[in-house]
Amino acid sequence: MARQCRLGEAQVNKYEKGHTDPSATYLATMAEALGVSTDYLLGLTDKPRGELGDTLRPEYRKLLDALDEGDSPTALTIVSDILRQQRK
């Protein structure tokens, strides 16, 4: 966790024990590394990906993942497939 977030192990330990809170920047970094929402890390929801992540259709989730990864060819293929299905 510390390496993924570019934090020292001692700092992560302080967060885990509640001795200090992470800044918004590090909170976002940790959420991204763990694949969860910041609200989940803050204890504001029990849904790891938040409300939107739970309601998205699988093909939309794949589209967002492709866009996040900078995979334009896959994103365009997914959009094309979605549009083709809507025409039917």
PDB file of N, CA and C in Angstrom:
ATOM      1  N   MET A   1       0.830  -1.186   0.000  1.00  0.00           N
ATOM      2  CA  MET A   1       0.000   0.000   0.000  1.00  0.00           C
ATOM      3  C   MET A   1       0.875   1.251   0.000  1.00  0.00           C
ATOM      4  N   ALA A   2       1.859   1.260   0.856  1.00  0.00           N
ATOM      5  CA  ALA A   2       2.732   2.434   0.947  1.00  0.00           C
ATOM      6  C   ALA A   2       3.429   2.697  -0.390  1.00  0.00           C
ATOM      7  N   ARG A   3       3.943   1.636  -1.022  1.00  0.00           N
ATOM      8  CA  ARG A   3       4.630   1.808  -2.304  1.00  0.00           C
ATOM      9  C   ARG A   3       3.675   2.279  -3.385  1.00  0.00           C
ATOM     10  N   GLN A   4       2.478   1.680  -3.446  1.00  0.00           N
ATOM     11  CA  GLN A   4       1.506   2.058  -4.472  1.00  0.00           C
ATOM     12  C   GLN A   4       1.117   3.530  -4.361  1.00  0.00           C
ATOM     13  N   CYS A   5       1.065   4.040  -3.154  1.00  0.00           N
ATOM     14  CA  CYS A   5       0.637   5.423  -2.922  1.00  0.00           C
ATOM     15  C   CYS A   5       1.803   6.386  -2.782  1.00  0.00           C
ATOM     16  N   ARG A   6       3.013   5.867  -2.918  1.00  0.00           N
ATOM     17  CA  ARG A   6       4.229   6.664  -2.761  1.00  0.00           C
ATOM     18  C   ARG A   6       4.278   7.352  -1.407  1.00  0.00           C
ATOM     19  N   LEU A   7       3.980   6.550  -0.388  1.00  0.00           N
ATOM     20  CA  LEU A   7       4.038   7.019   0.996  1.00  0.00           C
ATOM     21  C   LEU A   7       5.000   6.133   1.766  1.00  0.00           C
ATOM     22  N   GLY A   8       5.498   6.653   2.868  1.00  0.00           N
ATOM     23  CA  GLY A   8       6.318   5.838   3.733  1.00  0.00           C
ATOM     24  C   GLY A   8       5.445   4.897   4.565  1.00  0.00           C
ATOM     25  N   GLU A   9       5.991   3.754   4.927  1.00  0.00           N
ATOM     26  CA  GLU A   9       5.229   2.794   5.729  1.00  0.00           C
ATOM     27  C   GLU A   9       4.802   3.393   7.071  1.00  0.00           C
ATOM     28  N   ALA A  10       5.661   4.228   7.649  1.00  0.00           N
ATOM     29  CA  ALA A  10       5.324   4.851   8.931  1.00  0.00           C
ATOM     30  C   ALA A  10       4.104   5.765   8.782  1.00  0.00           C
ATOM     31  N   GLN A  11       4.017   6.462   7.657  1.00  0.00           N
ATOM     32  CA  GLN A  11       2.881   7.359   7.433  1.00  0.00           C
ATOM     33  C   GLN A  11       1.593   6.561   7.276  1.00  0.00           C
ATOM     34  N   VAL A  12       1.633   5.486   6.515  1.00  0.00           N
ATOM     35  CA  VAL A  12       0.454   4.633   6.342  1.00  0.00           C
ATOM     36  C   VAL A  12       0.030   4.056   7.697  1.00  0.00           C
ATOM     37  N   ASN A  13       0.996   3.678   8.500  1.00  0.00           N
ATOM     38  CA  ASN A  13       0.718   3.154   9.837  1.00  0.00           C
ATOM     39  C   ASN A  13      -0.023   4.191  10.685  1.00  0.00           C
ATOM     40  N   LYS A  14       0.367   5.456  10.578  1.00  0.00           N
ATOM     41  CA  LYS A  14      -0.313   6.533  11.317  1.00  0.00           C
ATOM     42  C   LYS A  14      -1.765   6.667  10.860  1.00  0.00           C
ATOM     43  N   TYR A  15      -1.985   6.541   9.550  1.00  0.00           N
ATOM     44  CA  TYR A  15      -3.358   6.598   9.025  1.00  0.00           C
ATOM     45  C   TYR A  15      -4.177   5.430   9.566  1.00  0.00           C
ATOM     46  N   GLU A  16      -3.584   4.230   9.524  1.00  0.00           N
ATOM     47  CA  GLU A  16      -4.297   3.029   9.962  1.00  0.00           C
ATOM     48  C   GLU A  16      -4.667   3.094  11.445  1.00  0.00           C
ATOM     49  N   LYS A  17      -3.793   3.668  12.251  1.00  0.00           N
ATOM     50  CA  LYS A  17      -4.038   3.738  13.698  1.00  0.00           C
ATOM     51  C   LYS A  17      -4.866   4.951  14.101  1.00  0.00           C
ATOM     52  N   GLY A  18      -5.157   5.830  13.136  1.00  0.00           N
ATOM     53  CA  GLY A  18      -5.967   6.999  13.428  1.00  0.00           C
ATOM     54  C   GLY A  18      -5.215   8.131  14.099  1.00  0.00           C
ATOM     55  N   HIS A  19      -3.887   8.093  14.027  1.00  0.00           N
ATOM     56  CA  HIS A  19      -3.089   9.158  14.638  1.00  0.00           C
ATOM     57  C   HIS A  19      -3.108  10.438  13.806  1.00  0.00           C
ATOM     58  N   THR A  20      -3.354  10.291  12.519  1.00  0.00           N
ATOM     59  CA  THR A  20      -3.423  11.429  11.613  1.00  0.00           C
ATOM     60  C   THR A  20      -4.302  11.054  10.421  1.00  0.00           C
ATOM     61  N   ASP A  21      -4.782  12.058   9.730  1.00  0.00           N
ATOM     62  CA  ASP A  21      -5.623  11.822   8.561  1.00  0.00           C
ATOM     63  C   ASP A  21      -4.858  12.204   7.296  1.00  0.00           C
ATOM     64  N   PRO A  22      -5.094  11.469   6.200  1.00  0.00           N
ATOM     65  CA  PRO A  22      -4.422  11.820   4.950  1.00  0.00           C
ATOM     66  C   PRO A  22      -5.017  13.079   4.340  1.00  0.00           C
ATOM     67  N   SER A  23      -4.198  13.787   3.591  1.00  0.00           N
ATOM     68  CA  SER A  23      -4.706  14.946   2.842  1.00  0.00           C
ATOM     69  C   SER A  23      -5.648  14.436   1.756  1.00  0.00           C
ATOM     70  N   ALA A  24      -6.398  15.335   1.165  1.00  0.00           N
ATOM     71  CA  ALA A  24      -7.313  14.965   0.085  1.00  0.00           C
ATOM     72  C   ALA A  24      -6.547  14.323  -1.073  1.00  0.00           C
ATOM     73  N   THR A  25      -5.368  14.828  -1.352  1.00  0.00           N
ATOM     74  CA  THR A  25      -4.549  14.288  -2.447  1.00  0.00           C
ATOM     75  C   THR A  25      -4.183  12.833  -2.183  1.00  0.00           C
ATOM     76  N   TYR A  26      -3.711  12.541  -0.972  1.00  0.00           N
ATOM     77  CA  TYR A  26      -3.325  11.166  -0.650  1.00  0.00           C
ATOM     78  C   TYR A  26      -4.538  10.262  -0.492  1.00  0.00           C
ATOM     79  N   LEU A  27      -5.633  10.810  -0.026  1.00  0.00           N
ATOM     80  CA  LEU A  27      -6.863  10.025   0.077  1.00  0.00           C
ATOM     81  C   LEU A  27      -7.290   9.565  -1.315  1.00  0.00           C
ATOM     82  N   ALA A  28      -7.242  10.466  -2.278  1.00  0.00           N
ATOM     83  CA  ALA A  28      -7.593  10.120  -3.656  1.00  0.00           C
ATOM     84  C   ALA A  28      -6.618   9.092  -4.225  1.00  0.00           C
ATOM     85  N   THR A  29      -5.341   9.246  -3.920  1.00  0.00           N
ATOM     86  CA  THR A  29      -4.322   8.304  -4.388  1.00  0.00           C
ATOM     87  C   THR A  29      -4.573   6.917  -3.811  1.00  0.00           C
ATOM     88  N   MET A  30      -4.903   6.848  -2.537  1.00  0.00           N
ATOM     89  CA  MET A  30      -5.171   5.558  -1.894  1.00  0.00           C
ATOM     90  C   MET A  30      -6.425   4.912  -2.469  1.00  0.00           C
ATOM     91  N   ALA A  31      -7.458   5.707  -2.680  1.00  0.00           N
ATOM     92  CA  ALA A  31      -8.700   5.173  -3.241  1.00  0.00           C
ATOM     93  C   ALA A  31      -8.450   4.593  -4.624  1.00  0.00           C
ATOM     94  N   GLU A  32      -7.683   5.304  -5.431  1.00  0.00           N
ATOM     95  CA  GLU A  32      -7.380   4.813  -6.780  1.00  0.00           C
ATOM     96  C   GLU A  32      -6.569   3.527  -6.720  1.00  0.00           C
ATOM     97  N   ALA A  33      -5.569   3.478  -5.845  1.00  0.00           N
ATOM     98  CA  ALA A  33      -4.729   2.280  -5.721  1.00  0.00           C
ATOM     99  C   ALA A  33      -5.536   1.064  -5.274  1.00  0.00           C
ATOM    100  N   LEU A  34      -6.529   1.287  -4.433  1.00  0.00           N
ATOM    101  CA  LEU A  34      -7.344   0.190  -3.911  1.00  0.00           C
ATOM    102  C   LEU A  34      -8.579  -0.093  -4.766  1.00  0.00           C
ATOM    103  N   GLY A  35      -8.869   0.773  -5.716  1.00  0.00           N
ATOM    104  CA  GLY A  35     -10.032   0.577  -6.569  1.00  0.00           C
ATOM    105  C   GLY A  35     -11.354   0.803  -5.860  1.00  0.00           C
ATOM    106  N   VAL A  36     -11.351   1.740  -4.920  1.00  0.00           N
ATOM    107  CA  VAL A  36     -12.567   2.073  -4.174  1.00  0.00           C
ATOM    108  C   VAL A  36     -12.783   3.580  -4.211  1.00  0.00           C
ATOM    109  N   SER A  37     -13.958   4.013  -3.757  1.00  0.00           N
ATOM    110  CA  SER A  37     -14.235   5.447  -3.714  1.00  0.00           C
ATOM    111  C   SER A  37     -13.643   6.066  -2.451  1.00  0.00           C
ATOM    112  N   THR A  38     -13.438   7.369  -2.492  1.00  0.00           N
ATOM    113  CA  THR A  38     -12.965   8.053  -1.292  1.00  0.00           C
ATOM    114  C   THR A  38     -14.034   8.007  -0.201  1.00  0.00           C
ATOM    115  N   ASP A  39     -15.303   8.048  -0.579  1.00  0.00           N
ATOM    116  CA  ASP A  39     -16.377   7.937   0.413  1.00  0.00           C
ATOM    117  C   ASP A  39     -16.288   6.616   1.167  1.00  0.00           C
ATOM    118  N   TYR A  40     -15.917   5.557   0.466  1.00  0.00           N
ATOM    119  CA  TYR A  40     -15.767   4.251   1.113  1.00  0.00           C
ATOM    120  C   TYR A  40     -14.631   4.296   2.140  1.00  0.00           C
ATOM    121  N   LEU A  41     -13.505   4.898   1.754  1.00  0.00           N
ATOM    122  CA  LEU A  41     -12.378   4.995   2.690  1.00  0.00           C
ATOM    123  C   LEU A  41     -12.724   5.848   3.906  1.00  0.00           C
ATOM    124  N   LEU A  42     -13.569   6.844   3.696  1.00  0.00           N
ATOM    125  CA  LEU A  42     -13.955   7.724   4.804  1.00  0.00           C
ATOM    126  C   LEU A  42     -15.070   7.133   5.670  1.00  0.00           C
ATOM    127  N   GLY A  43     -15.606   6.000   5.243  1.00  0.00           N
ATOM    128  CA  GLY A  43     -16.676   5.361   6.010  1.00  0.00           C
ATOM    129  C   GLY A  43     -18.041   5.977   5.767  1.00  0.00           C
ATOM    130  N   LEU A  44     -18.191   6.735   4.686  1.00  0.00           N
ATOM    131  CA  LEU A  44     -19.460   7.389   4.389  1.00  0.00           C
ATOM    132  C   LEU A  44     -20.420   6.478   3.628  1.00  0.00           C
ATOM    133  N   THR A  45     -19.901   5.394   3.079  1.00  0.00           N
ATOM    134  CA  THR A  45     -20.722   4.416   2.377  1.00  0.00           C
ATOM    135  C   THR A  45     -20.127   3.032   2.586  1.00  0.00           C
ATOM    136  N   ASP A  46     -20.961   2.029   2.467  1.00  0.00           N
ATOM    137  CA  ASP A  46     -20.457   0.665   2.555  1.00  0.00           C
ATOM    138  C   ASP A  46     -20.309   0.044   1.165  1.00  0.00           C
ATOM    139  N   LYS A  47     -20.457   0.868   0.137  1.00  0.00           N
ATOM    140  CA  LYS A  47     -20.317   0.410  -1.245  1.00  0.00           C
ATOM    141  C   LYS A  47     -18.944   0.840  -1.749  1.00  0.00           C
ATOM    142  N   PRO A  48     -18.042  -0.123  -1.957  1.00  0.00           N
ATOM    143  CA  PRO A  48     -16.661   0.214  -2.323  1.00  0.00           C
ATOM    144  C   PRO A  48     -16.512   1.109  -3.543  1.00  0.00           C
ATOM    145  N   ARG A  49     -17.347   0.951  -4.545  1.00  0.00           N
ATOM    146  CA  ARG A  49     -17.216   1.774  -5.751  1.00  0.00           C
ATOM    147  C   ARG A  49     -18.220   2.914  -5.769  1.00  0.00           C
ATOM    148  N   GLY A  50     -18.938   3.114  -4.684  1.00  0.00           N
ATOM    149  CA  GLY A  50     -19.932   4.180  -4.628  1.00  0.00           C
ATOM    150  C   GLY A  50     -21.201   3.777  -5.351  1.00  0.00           C
ATOM    151  N   GLU A  51     -22.160   4.639  -5.331  1.00  0.00           N
ATOM    152  CA  GLU A  51     -23.456   4.352  -5.948  1.00  0.00           C
ATOM    153  C   GLU A  51     -23.345   4.142  -7.450  1.00  0.00           C
ATOM    154  N   LEU A  52     -22.581   4.975  -8.129  1.00  0.00           N
ATOM    155  CA  LEU A  52     -22.461   4.879  -9.579  1.00  0.00           C
ATOM    156  C   LEU A  52     -21.847   3.552  -9.994  1.00  0.00           C
ATOM    157  N   GLY A  53     -20.823   3.133  -9.300  1.00  0.00           N
ATOM    158  CA  GLY A  53     -20.165   1.873  -9.647  1.00  0.00           C
ATOM    159  C   GLY A  53     -21.069   0.675  -9.523  1.00  0.00           C
ATOM    160  N   ASP A  54     -22.047   0.750  -8.649  1.00  0.00           N
ATOM    161  CA  ASP A  54     -22.958  -0.370  -8.450  1.00  0.00           C
ATOM    162  C   ASP A  54     -24.100  -0.388  -9.458  1.00  0.00           C
ATOM    163  N   THR A  55     -24.374   0.739 -10.099  1.00  0.00           N
ATOM    164  CA  THR A  55     -25.522   0.803 -10.991  1.00  0.00           C
ATOM    165  C   THR A  55     -25.151   0.771 -12.465  1.00  0.00           C
ATOM    166  N   LEU A  56     -23.887   0.899 -12.788  1.00  0.00           N
ATOM    167  CA  LEU A  56     -23.474   0.894 -14.188  1.00  0.00           C
ATOM    168  C   LEU A  56     -23.632  -0.487 -14.809  1.00  0.00           C
ATOM    169  N   ARG A  57     -24.096  -0.486 -16.045  1.00  0.00           N
ATOM    170  CA  ARG A  57     -24.145  -1.740 -16.786  1.00  0.00           C
ATOM    171  C   ARG A  57     -22.718  -2.173 -17.075  1.00  0.00           C
ATOM    172  N   PRO A  58     -22.481  -3.471 -17.185  1.00  0.00           N
ATOM    173  CA  PRO A  58     -21.101  -3.966 -17.382  1.00  0.00           C
ATOM    174  C   PRO A  58     -20.377  -3.342 -18.572  1.00  0.00           C
ATOM    175  N   GLU A  59     -21.096  -3.114 -19.688  1.00  0.00           N
ATOM    176  CA  GLU A  59     -20.419  -2.551 -20.850  1.00  0.00           C
ATOM    177  C   GLU A  59     -20.000  -1.101 -20.599  1.00  0.00           C
ATOM    178  N   TYR A  60     -20.763  -0.366 -19.775  1.00  0.00           N
ATOM    179  CA  TYR A  60     -20.375   1.003 -19.436  1.00  0.00           C
ATOM    180  C   TYR A  60     -19.171   1.002 -18.498  1.00  0.00           C
ATOM    181  N   ARG A  61     -19.130   0.045 -17.590  1.00  0.00           N
ATOM    182  CA  ARG A  61     -17.973  -0.084 -16.692  1.00  0.00           C
ATOM    183  C   ARG A  61     -16.720  -0.370 -17.517  1.00  0.00           C
ATOM    184  N   LYS A  62     -16.846  -1.282 -18.502  1.00  0.00           N
ATOM    185  CA  LYS A  62     -15.702  -1.590 -19.375  1.00  0.00           C
ATOM    186  C   LYS A  62     -15.264  -0.357 -20.158  1.00  0.00           C
ATOM    187  N   LEU A  63     -16.232   0.431 -20.611  1.00  0.00           N
ATOM    188  CA  LEU A  63     -15.916   1.655 -21.340  1.00  0.00           C
ATOM    189  C   LEU A  63     -15.128   2.623 -20.457  1.00  0.00           C
ATOM    190  N   LEU A  64     -15.599   2.827 -19.243  1.00  0.00           N
ATOM    191  CA  LEU A  64     -14.894   3.736 -18.331  1.00  0.00           C
ATOM    192  C   LEU A  64     -13.501   3.217 -18.003  1.00  0.00           C
ATOM    193  N   ASP A  65     -13.376   1.910 -17.804  1.00  0.00           N
ATOM    194  CA  ASP A  65     -12.059   1.332 -17.527  1.00  0.00           C
ATOM    195  C   ASP A  65     -11.115   1.552 -18.711  1.00  0.00           C
ATOM    196  N   ALA A  66     -11.615   1.343 -19.925  1.00  0.00           N
ATOM    197  CA  ALA A  66     -10.793   1.547 -21.117  1.00  0.00           C
ATOM    198  C   ALA A  66     -10.355   3.011 -21.221  1.00  0.00           C
ATOM    199  N   LEU A  67     -11.272   3.933 -20.946  1.00  0.00           N
ATOM    200  CA  LEU A  67     -10.926   5.355 -20.996  1.00  0.00           C
ATOM    201  C   LEU A  67      -9.901   5.714 -19.923  1.00  0.00           C
ATOM    202  N   ASP A  68     -10.075   5.172 -18.717  1.00  0.00           N
ATOM    203  CA  ASP A  68      -9.114   5.426 -17.639  1.00  0.00           C
ATOM    204  C   ASP A  68      -7.718   4.930 -17.995  1.00  0.00           C
ATOM    205  N   GLU A  69      -7.665   3.819 -18.729  1.00  0.00           N
ATOM    206  CA  GLU A  69      -6.374   3.238 -19.104  1.00  0.00           C
ATOM    207  C   GLU A  69      -5.799   3.862 -20.368  1.00  0.00           C
ATOM    208  N   GLY A  70      -6.552   4.784 -20.981  1.00  0.00           N
ATOM    209  CA  GLY A  70      -6.080   5.418 -22.203  1.00  0.00           C
ATOM    210  C   GLY A  70      -6.149   4.502 -23.413  1.00  0.00           C
ATOM    211  N   ASP A  71      -7.000   3.480 -23.336  1.00  0.00           N
ATOM    212  CA  ASP A  71      -7.152   2.498 -24.402  1.00  0.00           C
ATOM    213  C   ASP A  71      -8.258   2.941 -25.355  1.00  0.00           C
ATOM    214  N   SER A  72      -7.929   3.901 -26.217  1.00  0.00           N
ATOM    215  CA  SER A  72      -8.925   4.461 -27.141  1.00  0.00           C
ATOM    216  C   SER A  72      -9.522   3.438 -28.102  1.00  0.00           C
ATOM    217  N   PRO A  73      -8.728   2.521 -28.681  1.00  0.00           N
ATOM    218  CA  PRO A  73      -9.331   1.553 -29.599  1.00  0.00           C
ATOM    219  C   PRO A  73     -10.419   0.698 -28.935  1.00  0.00           C
ATOM    220  N   THR A  74     -10.169   0.243 -27.724  1.00  0.00           N
ATOM    221  CA  THR A  74     -11.168  -0.556 -27.016  1.00  0.00           C
ATOM    222  C   THR A  74     -12.381   0.292 -26.682  1.00  0.00           C
ATOM    223  N   ALA A  75     -12.157   1.523 -26.231  1.00  0.00           N
ATOM    224  CA  ALA A  75     -13.273   2.416 -25.901  1.00  0.00           C
ATOM    225  C   ALA A  75     -14.147   2.661 -27.121  1.00  0.00           C
ATOM    226  N   LEU A  76     -13.534   2.898 -28.275  1.00  0.00           N
ATOM    227  CA  LEU A  76     -14.299   3.137 -29.495  1.00  0.00           C
ATOM    228  C   LEU A  76     -15.083   1.894 -29.922  1.00  0.00           C
ATOM    229  N   THR A  77     -14.491   0.733 -29.751  1.00  0.00           N
ATOM    230  CA  THR A  77     -15.192  -0.514 -30.076  1.00  0.00           C
ATOM    231  C   THR A  77     -16.407  -0.685 -29.173  1.00  0.00           C
ATOM    232  N   ILE A  78     -16.250  -0.399 -27.901  1.00  0.00           N
ATOM    233  CA  ILE A  78     -17.361  -0.534 -26.952  1.00  0.00           C
ATOM    234  C   ILE A  78     -18.471   0.450 -27.307  1.00  0.00           C
ATOM    235  N   VAL A  79     -18.120   1.688 -27.594  1.00  0.00           N
ATOM    236  CA  VAL A  79     -19.122   2.696 -27.976  1.00  0.00           C
ATOM    237  C   VAL A  79     -19.855   2.243 -29.236  1.00  0.00           C
ATOM    238  N   SER A  80     -19.109   1.754 -30.198  1.00  0.00           N
ATOM    239  CA  SER A  80     -19.711   1.282 -31.439  1.00  0.00           C
ATOM    240  C   SER A  80     -20.694   0.141 -31.175  1.00  0.00           C
ATOM    241  N   ASP A  81     -20.301  -0.791 -30.320  1.00  0.00           N
ATOM    242  CA  ASP A  81     -21.192  -1.920 -29.979  1.00  0.00           C
ATOM    243  C   ASP A  81     -22.452  -1.439 -29.281  1.00  0.00           C
ATOM    244  N   ILE A  82     -22.307  -0.482 -28.378  1.00  0.00           N
ATOM    245  CA  ILE A  82     -23.474   0.055 -27.652  1.00  0.00           C
ATOM    246  C   ILE A  82     -24.422   0.738 -28.622  1.00  0.00           C
ATOM    247  N   LEU A  83     -23.876   1.545 -29.515  1.00  0.00           N
ATOM    248  CA  LEU A  83     -24.714   2.234 -30.501  1.00  0.00           C
ATOM    249  C   LEU A  83     -25.414   1.257 -31.438  1.00  0.00           C
ATOM    250  N   ARG A  84     -24.698   0.219 -31.823  1.00  0.00           N
ATOM    251  CA  ARG A  84     -25.285  -0.803 -32.693  1.00  0.00           C
ATOM    252  C   ARG A  84     -26.455  -1.509 -31.995  1.00  0.00           C
ATOM    253  N   GLN A  85     -26.298  -1.790 -30.715  1.00  0.00           N
ATOM    254  CA  GLN A  85     -27.367  -2.450 -29.947  1.00  0.00           C
ATOM    255  C   GLN A  85     -28.577  -1.543 -29.779  1.00  0.00           C
ATOM    256  N   GLN A  86     -28.350  -0.244 -29.667  1.00  0.00           N
ATOM    257  CA  GLN A  86     -29.451   0.699 -29.488  1.00  0.00           C
ATOM    258  C   GLN A  86     -30.286   0.846 -30.753  1.00  0.00           C
ATOM    259  N   ARG A  87     -29.677   0.619 -31.906  1.00  0.00           N
ATOM    260  CA  ARG A  87     -30.411   0.721 -33.168  1.00  0.00           C
ATOM    261  C   ARG A  87     -31.362  -0.435 -33.392  1.00  0.00           C
ATOM    262  N   LYS A  88     -31.139  -1.543 -32.706  1.00  0.00           N
ATOM    263  CA  LYS A  88     -31.973  -2.737 -32.902  1.00  0.00           C
ATOM    264  C   LYS A  88     -33.332  -2.586 -32.302  1.00  0.00           C
TER     265      LYS A  88
END
